Amino acid sequence: MLLFSLDSDATFAQALAGGLAVPLAPHEDRGFEDGEHKLRPLVDPRGRDAYVIHSLHGGPVDSPHDKLCHLLMFMATLREHGAARVTAVVP
């Protein structure tokens, strides 16, 4: 099982990972000047179950719509990298 957190404040994700005794999986999330983003897992998810924790609460920088697009793009990337199942955890 792989557990990813897309939130910059990963307090909930770290607590969940600690309770499950599973480390948070690393990923790359790079923003470019033109507004584009590069999202990719830094571990191979092929054949594994992946869980993505991401809040959709809007803030001063990102709207809930931006955060939803971010989540869906990362989930699609995990499927393209061969994850068996991808589940969103949206607290």
PDB file of N, CA and C in Angstrom:
ATOM      1  N   MET A   1       0.846  -1.177   0.000  1.00  0.00           N
ATOM      2  CA  MET A   1       0.000   0.000   0.000  1.00  0.00           C
ATOM      3  C   MET A   1       0.890   1.238   0.000  1.00  0.00           C
ATOM      4  N   LEU A   2       0.528   2.199  -0.835  1.00  0.00           N
ATOM      5  CA  LEU A   2       1.221   3.478  -0.878  1.00  0.00           C
ATOM      6  C   LEU A   2       0.266   4.564  -0.396  1.00  0.00           C
ATOM      7  N   LEU A   3       0.772   5.460   0.413  1.00  0.00           N
ATOM      8  CA  LEU A   3      -0.025   6.544   0.966  1.00  0.00           C
ATOM      9  C   LEU A   3       0.652   7.861   0.595  1.00  0.00           C
ATOM     10  N   PHE A   4      -0.047   8.683  -0.207  1.00  0.00           N
ATOM     11  CA  PHE A   4       0.478   9.976  -0.649  1.00  0.00           C
ATOM     12  C   PHE A   4      -0.319  11.094   0.005  1.00  0.00           C
ATOM     13  N   SER A   5       0.335  12.225   0.244  1.00  0.00           N
ATOM     14  CA  SER A   5      -0.343  13.423   0.733  1.00  0.00           C
ATOM     15  C   SER A   5       0.017  14.584  -0.169  1.00  0.00           C
ATOM     16  N   LEU A   6      -0.999  15.215  -0.757  1.00  0.00           N
ATOM     17  CA  LEU A   6      -0.756  16.356  -1.631  1.00  0.00           C
ATOM     18  C   LEU A   6      -0.847  17.677  -0.895  1.00  0.00           C
ATOM     19  N   ASP A   7      -1.292  17.660   0.357  1.00  0.00           N
ATOM     20  CA  ASP A   7      -1.432  18.893   1.129  1.00  0.00           C
ATOM     21  C   ASP A   7      -0.076  19.378   1.617  1.00  0.00           C
ATOM     22  N   SER A   8       0.116  20.700   1.590  1.00  0.00           N
ATOM     23  CA  SER A   8       1.367  21.263   2.098  1.00  0.00           C
ATOM     24  C   SER A   8       1.452  21.092   3.612  1.00  0.00           C
ATOM     25  N   ASP A   9       0.311  21.178   4.301  1.00  0.00           N
ATOM     26  CA  ASP A   9       0.243  20.904   5.741  1.00  0.00           C
ATOM     27  C   ASP A   9      -0.278  19.485   5.895  1.00  0.00           C
ATOM     28  N   ALA A  10       0.626  18.543   6.050  1.00  0.00           N
ATOM     29  CA  ALA A  10       0.269  17.128   6.047  1.00  0.00           C
ATOM     30  C   ALA A  10       0.043  16.575   7.454  1.00  0.00           C
ATOM     31  N   THR A  11      -0.487  17.375   8.359  1.00  0.00           N
ATOM     32  CA  THR A  11      -0.683  16.928   9.738  1.00  0.00           C
ATOM     33  C   THR A  11      -1.595  15.716   9.804  1.00  0.00           C
ATOM     34  N   PHE A  12      -2.754  15.788   9.122  1.00  0.00           N
ATOM     35  CA  PHE A  12      -3.694  14.668   9.133  1.00  0.00           C
ATOM     36  C   PHE A  12      -3.073  13.438   8.478  1.00  0.00           C
ATOM     37  N   ALA A  13      -2.403  13.633   7.353  1.00  0.00           N
ATOM     38  CA  ALA A  13      -1.796  12.513   6.632  1.00  0.00           C
ATOM     39  C   ALA A  13      -0.697  11.852   7.461  1.00  0.00           C
ATOM     40  N   GLN A  14       0.105  12.642   8.157  1.00  0.00           N
ATOM     41  CA  GLN A  14       1.159  12.077   8.988  1.00  0.00           C
ATOM     42  C   GLN A  14       0.575  11.282  10.150  1.00  0.00           C
ATOM     43  N   ALA A  15      -0.505  11.787  10.738  1.00  0.00           N
ATOM     44  CA  ALA A  15      -1.162  11.061  11.827  1.00  0.00           C
ATOM     45  C   ALA A  15      -1.758   9.754  11.316  1.00  0.00           C
ATOM     46  N   LEU A  16      -2.371   9.786  10.147  1.00  0.00           N
ATOM     47  CA  LEU A  16      -2.947   8.586   9.551  1.00  0.00           C
ATOM     48  C   LEU A  16      -1.857   7.577   9.213  1.00  0.00           C
ATOM     49  N   ALA A  17      -0.773   8.041   8.627  1.00  0.00           N
ATOM     50  CA  ALA A  17       0.345   7.159   8.294  1.00  0.00           C
ATOM     51  C   ALA A  17       0.942   6.532   9.556  1.00  0.00           C
ATOM     52  N   GLY A  18       1.052   7.316  10.610  1.00  0.00           N
ATOM     53  CA  GLY A  18       1.563   6.782  11.874  1.00  0.00           C
ATOM     54  C   GLY A  18       0.639   5.726  12.456  1.00  0.00           C
ATOM     55  N   GLY A  19      -0.664   5.964  12.387  1.00  0.00           N
ATOM     56  CA  GLY A  19      -1.628   4.990  12.893  1.00  0.00           C
ATOM     57  C   GLY A  19      -1.636   3.703  12.095  1.00  0.00           C
ATOM     58  N   LEU A  20      -1.367   3.789  10.812  1.00  0.00           N
ATOM     59  CA  LEU A  20      -1.327   2.603   9.951  1.00  0.00           C
ATOM     60  C   LEU A  20       0.057   1.969   9.893  1.00  0.00           C
ATOM     61  N   ALA A  21       1.042   2.633  10.474  1.00  0.00           N
ATOM     62  CA  ALA A  21       2.442   2.185  10.439  1.00  0.00           C
ATOM     63  C   ALA A  21       2.935   2.060   8.989  1.00  0.00           C
ATOM     64  N   VAL A  22       2.545   3.038   8.168  1.00  0.00           N
ATOM     65  CA  VAL A  22       2.947   3.087   6.760  1.00  0.00           C
ATOM     66  C   VAL A  22       3.554   4.467   6.515  1.00  0.00           C
ATOM     67  N   PRO A  23       4.729   4.559   5.912  1.00  0.00           N
ATOM     68  CA  PRO A  23       5.304   5.886   5.650  1.00  0.00           C
ATOM     69  C   PRO A  23       4.580   6.576   4.493  1.00  0.00           C
ATOM     70  N   LEU A  24       4.607   7.899   4.504  1.00  0.00           N
ATOM     71  CA  LEU A  24       4.072   8.647   3.369  1.00  0.00           C
ATOM     72  C   LEU A  24       5.016   8.467   2.186  1.00  0.00           C
ATOM     73  N   ALA A  25       4.458   8.142   1.046  1.00  0.00           N
ATOM     74  CA  ALA A  25       5.266   7.926  -0.160  1.00  0.00           C
ATOM     75  C   ALA A  25       5.678   9.281  -0.745  1.00  0.00           C
ATOM     76  N   PRO A  26       6.892   9.388  -1.242  1.00  0.00           N
ATOM     77  CA  PRO A  26       7.348  10.665  -1.820  1.00  0.00           C
ATOM     78  C   PRO A  26       6.793  10.870  -3.232  1.00  0.00           C
ATOM     79  N   HIS A  27       6.602  12.135  -3.564  1.00  0.00           N
ATOM     80  CA  HIS A  27       6.155  12.498  -4.905  1.00  0.00           C
ATOM     81  C   HIS A  27       6.736  13.858  -5.267  1.00  0.00           C
ATOM     82  N   GLU A  28       6.752  14.132  -6.558  1.00  0.00           N
ATOM     83  CA  GLU A  28       7.234  15.425  -7.041  1.00  0.00           C
ATOM     84  C   GLU A  28       6.032  16.260  -7.447  1.00  0.00           C
ATOM     85  N   ASP A  29       5.995  17.488  -6.970  1.00  0.00           N
ATOM     86  CA  ASP A  29       4.938  18.431  -7.316  1.00  0.00           C
ATOM     87  C   ASP A  29       5.619  19.763  -7.605  1.00  0.00           C
ATOM     88  N   ARG A  30       5.843  20.023  -8.877  1.00  0.00           N
ATOM     89  CA  ARG A  30       6.574  21.216  -9.263  1.00  0.00           C
ATOM     90  C   ARG A  30       5.644  22.148 -10.046  1.00  0.00           C
ATOM     91  N   GLY A  31       5.595  23.398  -9.629  1.00  0.00           N
ATOM     92  CA  GLY A  31       4.813  24.407 -10.351  1.00  0.00           C
ATOM     93  C   GLY A  31       5.727  25.261 -11.212  1.00  0.00           C
ATOM     94  N   PHE A  32       5.264  25.596 -12.388  1.00  0.00           N
ATOM     95  CA  PHE A  32       6.040  26.413 -13.301  1.00  0.00           C
ATOM     96  C   PHE A  32       5.454  27.812 -13.374  1.00  0.00           C
ATOM     97  N   GLU A  33       6.229  28.751 -13.905  1.00  0.00           N
ATOM     98  CA  GLU A  33       5.817  30.152 -13.964  1.00  0.00           C
ATOM     99  C   GLU A  33       4.553  30.374 -14.779  1.00  0.00           C
ATOM    100  N   ASP A  34       4.319  29.524 -15.766  1.00  0.00           N
ATOM    101  CA  ASP A  34       3.145  29.700 -16.625  1.00  0.00           C
ATOM    102  C   ASP A  34       1.886  29.047 -16.055  1.00  0.00           C
ATOM    103  N   GLY A  35       1.967  28.531 -14.816  1.00  0.00           N
ATOM    104  CA  GLY A  35       0.805  27.927 -14.168  1.00  0.00           C
ATOM    105  C   GLY A  35       0.699  26.428 -14.344  1.00  0.00           C
ATOM    106  N   GLU A  36       1.574  25.831 -15.148  1.00  0.00           N
ATOM    107  CA  GLU A  36       1.558  24.384 -15.344  1.00  0.00           C
ATOM    108  C   GLU A  36       2.142  23.690 -14.115  1.00  0.00           C
ATOM    109  N   HIS A  37       1.784  22.416 -13.936  1.00  0.00           N
ATOM    110  CA  HIS A  37       2.296  21.621 -12.816  1.00  0.00           C
ATOM    111  C   HIS A  37       2.835  20.299 -13.322  1.00  0.00           C
ATOM    112  N   LYS A  38       3.860  19.824 -12.655  1.00  0.00           N
ATOM    113  CA  LYS A  38       4.392  18.497 -12.927  1.00  0.00           C
ATOM    114  C   LYS A  38       4.158  17.670 -11.679  1.00  0.00           C
ATOM    115  N   LEU A  39       3.416  16.591 -11.817  1.00  0.00           N
ATOM    116  CA  LEU A  39       3.110  15.697 -10.703  1.00  0.00           C
ATOM    117  C   LEU A  39       3.552  14.297 -11.074  1.00  0.00           C
ATOM    118  N   ARG A  40       4.313  13.655 -10.196  1.00  0.00           N
ATOM    119  CA  ARG A  40       4.686  12.268 -10.443  1.00  0.00           C
ATOM    120  C   ARG A  40       5.105  11.609  -9.138  1.00  0.00           C
ATOM    121  N   PRO A  41       4.819  10.321  -9.002  1.00  0.00           N
ATOM    122  CA  PRO A  41       5.282   9.598  -7.815  1.00  0.00           C
ATOM    123  C   PRO A  41       6.778   9.322  -7.938  1.00  0.00           C
ATOM    124  N   LEU A  42       7.464   9.323  -6.815  1.00  0.00           N
ATOM    125  CA  LEU A  42       8.900   9.019  -6.813  1.00  0.00           C
ATOM    126  C   LEU A  42       9.176   7.579  -6.407  1.00  0.00           C
ATOM    127  N   VAL A  43       8.108   6.801  -6.263  1.00  0.00           N
ATOM    128  CA  VAL A  43       8.202   5.355  -6.035  1.00  0.00           C
ATOM    129  C   VAL A  43       7.339   4.683  -7.097  1.00  0.00           C
ATOM    130  N   ASP A  44       7.637   3.448  -7.418  1.00  0.00           N
ATOM    131  CA  ASP A  44       6.890   2.743  -8.453  1.00  0.00           C
ATOM    132  C   ASP A  44       5.589   2.183  -7.869  1.00  0.00           C
ATOM    133  N   PRO A  45       4.427   2.675  -8.338  1.00  0.00           N
ATOM    134  CA  PRO A  45       3.152   2.192  -7.815  1.00  0.00           C
ATOM    135  C   PRO A  45       2.616   0.960  -8.555  1.00  0.00           C
ATOM    136  N   ARG A  46       3.367   0.427  -9.508  1.00  0.00           N
ATOM    137  CA  ARG A  46       2.873  -0.659 -10.352  1.00  0.00           C
ATOM    138  C   ARG A  46       2.367  -1.838  -9.522  1.00  0.00           C
ATOM    139  N   GLY A  47       1.077  -2.180  -9.738  1.00  0.00           N
ATOM    140  CA  GLY A  47       0.475  -3.331  -9.078  1.00  0.00           C
ATOM    141  C   GLY A  47       0.109  -3.114  -7.623  1.00  0.00           C
ATOM    142  N   ARG A  48       0.245  -1.908  -7.116  1.00  0.00           N
ATOM    143  CA  ARG A  48      -0.020  -1.642  -5.699  1.00  0.00           C
ATOM    144  C   ARG A  48      -1.259  -0.771  -5.539  1.00  0.00           C
ATOM    145  N   ASP A  49      -1.832  -0.797  -4.349  1.00  0.00           N
ATOM    146  CA  ASP A  49      -2.940   0.089  -4.010  1.00  0.00           C
ATOM    147  C   ASP A  49      -2.361   1.424  -3.565  1.00  0.00           C
ATOM    148  N   ALA A  50      -2.893   2.509  -4.116  1.00  0.00           N
ATOM    149  CA  ALA A  50      -2.414   3.850  -3.773  1.00  0.00           C
ATOM    150  C   ALA A  50      -3.568   4.657  -3.185  1.00  0.00           C
ATOM    151  N   TYR A  51      -3.290   5.340  -2.099  1.00  0.00           N
ATOM    152  CA  TYR A  51      -4.262   6.212  -1.439  1.00  0.00           C
ATOM    153  C   TYR A  51      -3.694   7.626  -1.464  1.00  0.00           C
ATOM    154  N   VAL A  52      -4.523   8.576  -1.881  1.00  0.00           N
ATOM    155  CA  VAL A  52      -4.086   9.966  -2.002  1.00  0.00           C
ATOM    156  C   VAL A  52      -4.927  10.813  -1.051  1.00  0.00           C
ATOM    157  N   ILE A  53      -4.272  11.452  -0.088  1.00  0.00           N
ATOM    158  CA  ILE A  53      -4.947  12.310   0.888  1.00  0.00           C
ATOM    159  C   ILE A  53      -4.790  13.750   0.435  1.00  0.00           C
ATOM    160  N   HIS A  54      -5.936  14.435   0.288  1.00  0.00           N
ATOM    161  CA  HIS A  54      -5.874  15.817  -0.179  1.00  0.00           C
ATOM    162  C   HIS A  54      -7.159  16.543   0.217  1.00  0.00           C
ATOM    163  N   SER A  55      -7.031  17.631   0.922  1.00  0.00           N
ATOM    164  CA  SER A  55      -8.185  18.440   1.298  1.00  0.00           C
ATOM    165  C   SER A  55      -8.583  19.340   0.142  1.00  0.00           C
ATOM    166  N   LEU A  56      -9.878  19.546  -0.035  1.00  0.00           N
ATOM    167  CA  LEU A  56     -10.365  20.434  -1.086  1.00  0.00           C
ATOM    168  C   LEU A  56     -10.748  21.803  -0.540  1.00  0.00           C
ATOM    169  N   HIS A  57     -10.393  22.066   0.704  1.00  0.00           N
ATOM    170  CA  HIS A  57     -10.697  23.365   1.309  1.00  0.00           C
ATOM    171  C   HIS A  57      -9.898  24.443   0.599  1.00  0.00           C
ATOM    172  N   GLY A  58     -10.583  25.459   0.096  1.00  0.00           N
ATOM    173  CA  GLY A  58      -9.922  26.550  -0.614  1.00  0.00           C
ATOM    174  C   GLY A  58      -9.172  27.469   0.326  1.00  0.00           C
ATOM    175  N   GLY A  59      -8.166  28.091  -0.183  1.00  0.00           N
ATOM    176  CA  GLY A  59      -7.365  29.017   0.605  1.00  0.00           C
ATOM    177  C   GLY A  59      -7.095  30.280  -0.188  1.00  0.00           C
ATOM    178  N   PRO A  60      -6.152  31.086   0.282  1.00  0.00           N
ATOM    179  CA  PRO A  60      -5.850  32.343  -0.407  1.00  0.00           C
ATOM    180  C   PRO A  60      -5.185  32.141  -1.774  1.00  0.00           C
ATOM    181  N   VAL A  61      -4.575  30.979  -2.000  1.00  0.00           N
ATOM    182  CA  VAL A  61      -3.853  30.741  -3.250  1.00  0.00           C
ATOM    183  C   VAL A  61      -4.647  29.843  -4.195  1.00  0.00           C
ATOM    184  N   ASP A  62      -5.106  28.699  -3.700  1.00  0.00           N
ATOM    185  CA  ASP A  62      -5.803  27.722  -4.534  1.00  0.00           C
ATOM    186  C   ASP A  62      -7.275  27.642  -4.175  1.00  0.00           C
ATOM    187  N   SER A  63      -8.118  27.618  -5.184  1.00  0.00           N
ATOM    188  CA  SER A  63      -9.552  27.445  -4.975  1.00  0.00           C
ATOM    189  C   SER A  63      -9.855  25.952  -4.841  1.00  0.00           C
ATOM    190  N   PRO A  64     -11.054  25.594  -4.363  1.00  0.00           N
ATOM    191  CA  PRO A  64     -11.422  24.175  -4.325  1.00  0.00           C
ATOM    192  C   PRO A  64     -11.355  23.527  -5.710  1.00  0.00           C
ATOM    193  N   HIS A  65     -11.667  24.282  -6.755  1.00  0.00           N
ATOM    194  CA  HIS A  65     -11.595  23.740  -8.115  1.00  0.00           C
ATOM    195  C   HIS A  65     -10.156  23.406  -8.497  1.00  0.00           C
ATOM    196  N   ASP A  66      -9.219  24.297  -8.143  1.00  0.00           N
ATOM    197  CA  ASP A  66      -7.807  24.048  -8.420  1.00  0.00           C
ATOM    198  C   ASP A  66      -7.333  22.798  -7.692  1.00  0.00           C
ATOM    199  N   LYS A  67      -7.743  22.667  -6.444  1.00  0.00           N
ATOM    200  CA  LYS A  67      -7.323  21.519  -5.647  1.00  0.00           C
ATOM    201  C   LYS A  67      -7.914  20.216  -6.187  1.00  0.00           C
ATOM    202  N   LEU A  68      -9.165  20.253  -6.652  1.00  0.00           N
ATOM    203  CA  LEU A  68      -9.780  19.065  -7.234  1.00  0.00           C
ATOM    204  C   LEU A  68      -9.046  18.658  -8.508  1.00  0.00           C
ATOM    205  N   CYS A  69      -8.709  19.607  -9.353  1.00  0.00           N
ATOM    206  CA  CYS A  69      -7.952  19.302 -10.577  1.00  0.00           C
ATOM    207  C   CYS A  69      -6.591  18.705 -10.234  1.00  0.00           C
ATOM    208  N   HIS A  70      -5.941  19.250  -9.225  1.00  0.00           N
ATOM    209  CA  HIS A  70      -4.644  18.757  -8.753  1.00  0.00           C
ATOM    210  C   HIS A  70      -4.764  17.287  -8.329  1.00  0.00           C
ATOM    211  N   LEU A  71      -5.793  16.993  -7.546  1.00  0.00           N
ATOM    212  CA  LEU A  71      -6.035  15.633  -7.070  1.00  0.00           C
ATOM    213  C   LEU A  71      -6.296  14.682  -8.235  1.00  0.00           C
ATOM    214  N   LEU A  72      -7.164  15.068  -9.147  1.00  0.00           N
ATOM    215  CA  LEU A  72      -7.505  14.204 -10.272  1.00  0.00           C
ATOM    216  C   LEU A  72      -6.315  13.973 -11.198  1.00  0.00           C
ATOM    217  N   MET A  73      -5.485  14.998 -11.397  1.00  0.00           N
ATOM    218  CA  MET A  73      -4.292  14.832 -12.233  1.00  0.00           C
ATOM    219  C   MET A  73      -3.320  13.839 -11.597  1.00  0.00           C
ATOM    220  N   PHE A  74      -3.131  13.929 -10.271  1.00  0.00           N
ATOM    221  CA  PHE A  74      -2.203  13.009  -9.614  1.00  0.00           C
ATOM    222  C   PHE A  74      -2.745  11.586  -9.629  1.00  0.00           C
ATOM    223  N   MET A  75      -4.056  11.441  -9.436  1.00  0.00           N
ATOM    224  CA  MET A  75      -4.655  10.104  -9.482  1.00  0.00           C
ATOM    225  C   MET A  75      -4.504   9.495 -10.875  1.00  0.00           C
ATOM    226  N   ALA A  76      -4.684  10.291 -11.915  1.00  0.00           N
ATOM    227  CA  ALA A  76      -4.505   9.812 -13.289  1.00  0.00           C
ATOM    228  C   ALA A  76      -3.048   9.405 -13.528  1.00  0.00           C
ATOM    229  N   THR A  77      -2.125  10.161 -12.975  1.00  0.00           N
ATOM    230  CA  THR A  77      -0.704   9.835 -13.110  1.00  0.00           C
ATOM    231  C   THR A  77      -0.393   8.493 -12.449  1.00  0.00           C
ATOM    232  N   LEU A  78      -0.979   8.240 -11.283  1.00  0.00           N
ATOM    233  CA  LEU A  78      -0.760   6.961 -10.610  1.00  0.00           C
ATOM    234  C   LEU A  78      -1.290   5.804 -11.451  1.00  0.00           C
ATOM    235  N   ARG A  79      -2.458   5.980 -12.055  1.00  0.00           N
ATOM    236  CA  ARG A  79      -3.022   4.927 -12.914  1.00  0.00           C
ATOM    237  C   ARG A  79      -2.135   4.714 -14.138  1.00  0.00           C
ATOM    238  N   GLU A  80      -1.621   5.797 -14.715  1.00  0.00           N
ATOM    239  CA  GLU A  80      -0.734   5.675 -15.873  1.00  0.00           C
ATOM    240  C   GLU A  80       0.563   4.961 -15.523  1.00  0.00           C
ATOM    241  N   HIS A  81       0.988   5.082 -14.257  1.00  0.00           N
ATOM    242  CA  HIS A  81       2.196   4.392 -13.791  1.00  0.00           C
ATOM    243  C   HIS A  81       1.897   2.962 -13.339  1.00  0.00           C
ATOM    244  N   GLY A  82       0.653   2.502 -13.493  1.00  0.00           N
ATOM    245  CA  GLY A  82       0.337   1.099 -13.254  1.00  0.00           C
ATOM    246  C   GLY A  82      -0.210   0.746 -11.890  1.00  0.00           C
ATOM    247  N   ALA A  83      -0.666   1.712 -11.103  1.00  0.00           N
ATOM    248  CA  ALA A  83      -1.245   1.384  -9.794  1.00  0.00           C
ATOM    249  C   ALA A  83      -2.469   0.490  -9.994  1.00  0.00           C
ATOM    250  N   ALA A  84      -2.610  -0.524  -9.148  1.00  0.00           N
ATOM    251  CA  ALA A  84      -3.745  -1.441  -9.261  1.00  0.00           C
ATOM    252  C   ALA A  84      -5.053  -0.729  -8.950  1.00  0.00           C
ATOM    253  N   ARG A  85      -5.076   0.008  -7.864  1.00  0.00           N
ATOM    254  CA  ARG A  85      -6.251   0.784  -7.446  1.00  0.00           C
ATOM    255  C   ARG A  85      -5.778   2.102  -6.878  1.00  0.00           C
ATOM    256  N   VAL A  86      -6.543   3.160  -7.144  1.00  0.00           N
ATOM    257  CA  VAL A  86      -6.234   4.479  -6.609  1.00  0.00           C
ATOM    258  C   VAL A  86      -7.480   4.979  -5.878  1.00  0.00           C
ATOM    259  N   THR A  87      -7.305   5.358  -4.613  1.00  0.00           N
ATOM    260  CA  THR A  87      -8.417   5.814  -3.787  1.00  0.00           C
ATOM    261  C   THR A  87      -8.090   7.195  -3.246  1.00  0.00           C
ATOM    262  N   ALA A  88      -9.047   8.119  -3.372  1.00  0.00           N
ATOM    263  CA  ALA A  88      -8.893   9.461  -2.826  1.00  0.00           C
ATOM    264  C   ALA A  88      -9.460   9.488  -1.411  1.00  0.00           C
ATOM    265  N   VAL A  89      -8.702  10.061  -0.488  1.00  0.00           N
ATOM    266  CA  VAL A  89      -9.167  10.318   0.881  1.00  0.00           C
ATOM    267  C   VAL A  89      -9.252  11.817   0.991  1.00  0.00           C
ATOM    268  N   VAL A  90     -10.502  12.331   1.072  1.00  0.00           N
ATOM    269  CA  VAL A  90     -10.730  13.766   1.024  1.00  0.00           C
ATOM    270  C   VAL A  90     -11.359  14.210   2.343  1.00  0.00           C
ATOM    271  N   PRO A  91     -10.509  14.544   3.340  1.00  0.00           N
ATOM    272  CA  PRO A  91     -11.057  14.948   4.638  1.00  0.00           C
ATOM    273  C   PRO A  91     -11.676  16.347   4.581  1.00  0.00           C
TER     274      PRO A  91
END
